[in-house]
Amino acid sequence: MSDVAVLILAAGASRRMQGRDKLLEEIDGTPLLRRQTLRALGLGCEVLVALPSAPHPRYDALAGLDVVVVPVADAAEGMNASLRAGLAALPAQTKAVMLLLADMPDLTQDDLQTVLQAVDVKTDTLIWRATTSGGAMGHPVVFRASLFDDLKSLSGDSGASDVVKTYAKRTQLVALPANHARTDLDTPEAWENWRAARRPT
């Protein structure tokens, strides 16, 4: 769907990683950020990636990929600085945007495709949100263009939760397998446990 863009939020500071960068942690030899971005590119959509201001090692992880890099000068403010910068960089014809957190390694390209295929801008639905197989709210989340101004008005590190709550009755939930929509890895211990669970027994 060329009128739906993907905005990958990847400007966070990895404060809980004890000096490591969670988005540069490698999975099967590929940094997580590049892995997530390749999966987004597989959708055939315009892909934008919000990053800290250059220079930063995350830029190298995206080398050669056909994405729009969006530097976030005020990234220290929190997630909503990335939201505002990313939304401002969207093509004018964008009818909806998929917000994709960069630190969710269980999300597959099939998962992203499942959410994307649920999007229908001819209905009165405003938000499409992934859930776990058990119905717990998760990511990614797709917002129609009519909500972009609401998202741009946000500040701090709360993400889009206020907008999601406001339009809960006009949200379609999209179930993904297992805990794919919720698994994020913010600490070295979380990474250790996740990698251990992937090893053949």
Protein backbone atom coordinates (compact mmCIF):
# COMPACT_ATOMS: atom_id res chain seq x y z
CA MET A 1 0.00 0.00 0.00
CA SER A 2 1.94 3.00 -1.26
CA ASP A 3 -0.25 5.42 0.68
CA VAL A 4 0.75 3.85 4.02
CA ALA A 5 4.21 4.69 5.35
CA VAL A 6 6.22 2.97 8.06
CA LEU A 7 7.92 5.10 10.73
CA ILE A 8 10.51 3.20 12.74
CA LEU A 9 11.22 4.84 16.09
CA ALA A 10 14.93 4.31 16.74
CA ALA A 11 16.19 7.46 18.46
CA GLY A 12 16.09 6.21 22.06
CA ALA A 13 19.19 6.13 24.24
CA SER A 14 19.27 2.45 25.39
CA ARG A 15 19.76 3.70 28.96
CA ARG A 16 19.14 0.30 30.54
CA MET A 17 21.70 -1.57 28.44
CA GLN A 18 24.75 -0.80 30.63
CA GLY A 19 26.68 0.95 27.85
CA ARG A 20 25.55 -1.29 24.99
CA ASP A 21 23.18 -0.22 22.22
CA LYS A 22 20.20 -2.57 22.06
CA LEU A 23 19.48 -1.61 18.45
CA LEU A 24 22.97 -2.68 17.40
CA GLU A 25 22.77 -6.05 19.16
CA GLU A 26 23.18 -8.72 16.49
CA ILE A 27 20.68 -11.44 15.67
CA ASP A 28 21.97 -14.07 13.26
CA GLY A 29 24.77 -11.68 12.34
CA THR A 30 22.55 -8.65 11.63
CA PRO A 31 22.06 -5.62 13.92
CA LEU A 32 18.50 -5.50 15.25
CA LEU A 33 17.86 -2.06 13.71
CA ARG A 34 18.85 -3.26 10.23
CA ARG A 35 16.82 -6.45 10.69
CA GLN A 36 13.68 -4.50 11.60
CA THR A 37 14.20 -2.05 8.77
CA LEU A 38 14.59 -4.82 6.18
CA ARG A 39 11.32 -6.33 7.35
CA ALA A 40 9.58 -2.98 7.00
CA LEU A 41 11.04 -2.51 3.51
CA GLY A 42 9.59 -5.88 2.55
CA LEU A 43 6.10 -4.35 2.81
CA GLY A 44 6.69 -2.17 -0.24
CA CYS A 45 5.92 1.01 1.72
CA GLU A 46 7.89 4.20 2.20
CA VAL A 47 10.06 3.60 5.28
CA LEU A 48 11.31 6.37 7.53
CA VAL A 49 13.69 5.80 10.45
CA ALA A 50 13.93 8.30 13.30
CA LEU A 51 17.50 8.35 14.63
CA PRO A 52 19.55 10.45 17.07
CA SER A 53 21.44 13.29 15.45
CA ALA A 54 24.54 12.26 13.51
CA PRO A 55 27.20 11.13 14.01
CA HIS A 56 25.85 7.95 15.55
CA PRO A 57 26.69 4.26 14.92
CA ARG A 58 23.05 3.50 14.08
CA TYR A 59 23.47 5.28 10.75
CA ASP A 60 26.04 2.65 9.73
CA ALA A 61 23.50 -0.11 10.48
CA LEU A 62 21.26 1.31 7.74
CA ALA A 63 23.98 1.69 5.10
CA GLY A 64 22.72 0.96 1.60
CA LEU A 65 19.05 0.67 2.55
CA ASP A 66 16.40 2.67 0.67
CA VAL A 67 15.00 4.52 3.66
CA VAL A 68 14.45 8.12 4.69
CA VAL A 69 16.58 8.85 7.75
CA VAL A 70 15.00 11.42 10.06
CA PRO A 71 17.48 12.95 12.55
CA VAL A 72 15.81 13.87 15.85
CA ALA A 73 17.68 16.81 17.35
CA ASP A 74 15.70 16.74 20.59
CA ALA A 75 15.68 12.94 20.98
CA ALA A 76 16.52 13.29 24.69
CA GLU A 77 12.96 14.56 25.23
CA GLY A 78 11.61 11.08 24.60
CA MET A 79 9.59 9.14 22.06
CA ASN A 80 7.27 11.96 21.10
CA ALA A 81 10.14 14.04 19.71
CA SER A 82 10.72 11.18 17.26
CA LEU A 83 7.00 11.05 16.49
CA ARG A 84 6.85 14.73 15.64
CA ALA A 85 9.98 14.65 13.48
CA GLY A 86 8.91 11.51 11.65
CA LEU A 87 5.39 12.73 10.95
CA ALA A 88 6.73 16.02 9.63
CA ALA A 89 8.86 14.07 7.13
CA LEU A 90 6.03 11.94 5.71
CA PRO A 91 5.10 12.32 2.04
CA ALA A 92 2.10 14.61 1.55
CA GLN A 93 -0.08 11.84 0.12
CA THR A 94 0.33 9.53 3.13
CA LYS A 95 -3.06 8.24 4.28
CA ALA A 96 -1.83 6.29 7.30
CA VAL A 97 1.41 5.56 9.14
CA MET A 98 2.56 2.40 10.85
CA LEU A 99 4.54 3.17 13.99
CA LEU A 100 7.10 0.43 14.50
CA LEU A 101 9.32 0.22 17.57
CA ALA A 102 12.83 -0.83 16.60
CA ASP A 103 13.50 -3.00 19.67
CA MET A 104 10.91 -5.77 19.12
CA PRO A 105 12.82 -8.76 17.70
CA ASP A 106 9.92 -11.24 17.57
CA LEU A 107 8.01 -9.23 14.99
CA THR A 108 8.30 -10.88 11.57
CA GLN A 109 7.61 -9.50 8.12
CA ASP A 110 4.48 -11.67 8.08
CA ASP A 111 3.34 -9.97 11.30
CA LEU A 112 3.82 -6.54 9.78
CA GLN A 113 1.99 -7.66 6.64
CA THR A 114 -0.92 -8.96 8.74
CA VAL A 115 -1.35 -5.55 10.37
CA LEU A 116 -0.93 -3.70 7.08
CA GLN A 117 -3.54 -5.85 5.35
CA ALA A 118 -6.08 -4.97 8.04
CA VAL A 119 -5.81 -1.26 7.19
CA ASP A 120 -8.78 0.07 5.23
CA VAL A 121 -8.98 3.84 5.04
CA LYS A 122 -12.47 3.63 3.50
CA THR A 123 -13.95 2.60 6.84
CA ASP A 124 -14.46 4.78 9.93
CA THR A 125 -11.62 3.01 11.77
CA LEU A 126 -8.86 5.40 12.84
CA ILE A 127 -6.34 3.06 14.48
CA TRP A 128 -5.24 -0.51 13.77
CA ARG A 129 -3.33 -2.06 16.67
CA ALA A 130 -1.50 -5.35 16.97
CA THR A 131 -2.14 -7.59 19.97
CA THR A 132 -0.69 -10.80 21.32
CA SER A 133 -2.49 -14.05 20.60
CA GLY A 134 -4.14 -13.61 24.00
CA GLY A 135 -5.40 -10.11 23.22
CA ALA A 136 -2.86 -7.96 25.12
CA MET A 137 -2.26 -4.63 23.41
CA GLY A 138 1.02 -4.27 21.57
CA HIS A 139 2.81 -3.01 18.47
CA PRO A 140 2.93 -2.00 15.67
CA VAL A 141 0.11 0.53 15.58
CA VAL A 142 -1.25 2.21 12.44
CA PHE A 143 -2.82 5.70 12.58
CA ARG A 144 -4.88 7.37 9.89
CA ALA A 145 -3.73 10.74 8.59
CA SER A 146 -6.65 12.47 10.32
CA LEU A 147 -4.87 11.76 13.63
CA PHE A 148 -1.49 13.17 12.62
CA ASP A 149 -2.18 16.56 14.21
CA ASP A 150 -3.14 14.85 17.46
CA LEU A 151 0.14 12.92 17.40
CA LYS A 152 2.19 16.00 16.57
CA SER A 153 0.80 17.77 19.65
CA LEU A 154 2.30 15.19 22.03
CA SER A 155 5.44 15.81 24.07
CA GLY A 156 7.59 13.82 26.48
CA ASP A 157 8.08 10.07 26.43
CA SER A 158 4.50 8.81 26.69
CA GLY A 159 4.32 7.72 23.07
CA ALA A 160 0.92 7.77 21.39
CA SER A 161 -0.95 6.26 24.35
CA ASP A 162 -3.12 9.35 24.91
CA VAL A 163 -4.29 9.33 21.30
CA VAL A 164 -4.91 5.58 21.44
CA LYS A 165 -7.07 6.00 24.56
CA THR A 166 -9.04 8.85 23.02
CA TYR A 167 -9.99 6.82 19.95
CA ALA A 168 -10.31 3.39 21.56
CA LYS A 169 -13.81 2.92 20.13
CA ARG A 170 -12.52 3.47 16.60
CA THR A 171 -9.64 1.03 16.91
CA GLN A 172 -9.41 -2.35 15.21
CA LEU A 173 -7.31 -4.95 16.98
CA VAL A 174 -5.16 -7.32 14.94
CA ALA A 175 -3.95 -10.48 16.69
CA LEU A 176 -0.40 -11.66 16.02
CA PRO A 177 1.13 -15.01 17.06
CA ALA A 178 2.25 -15.70 20.62
CA ASN A 179 3.83 -12.63 22.27
CA HIS A 180 5.25 -11.11 19.06
CA ALA A 181 3.42 -7.81 19.61
CA ARG A 182 4.86 -7.28 23.10
CA THR A 183 8.40 -8.69 23.24
CA ASP A 184 10.93 -5.89 23.62
CA LEU A 185 14.50 -6.20 24.85
CA ASP A 186 15.70 -3.29 26.98
CA THR A 187 18.35 -4.86 29.24
CA PRO A 188 21.33 -7.21 28.83
CA GLU A 189 19.44 -9.78 30.92
CA ALA A 190 16.43 -9.63 28.61
CA TRP A 191 18.71 -10.17 25.62
CA GLU A 192 20.41 -13.10 27.34
CA ASN A 193 17.11 -14.77 28.16
CA TRP A 194 15.71 -14.19 24.66
CA ARG A 195 18.81 -15.62 23.00
CA ALA A 196 18.78 -18.62 25.33
CA ALA A 197 15.17 -19.34 24.41
CA ARG A 198 16.09 -19.35 20.70
CA ARG A 199 18.88 -21.90 21.06
CA PRO A 200 18.07 -25.43 19.94
CA THR A 201 17.51 -27.76 22.88
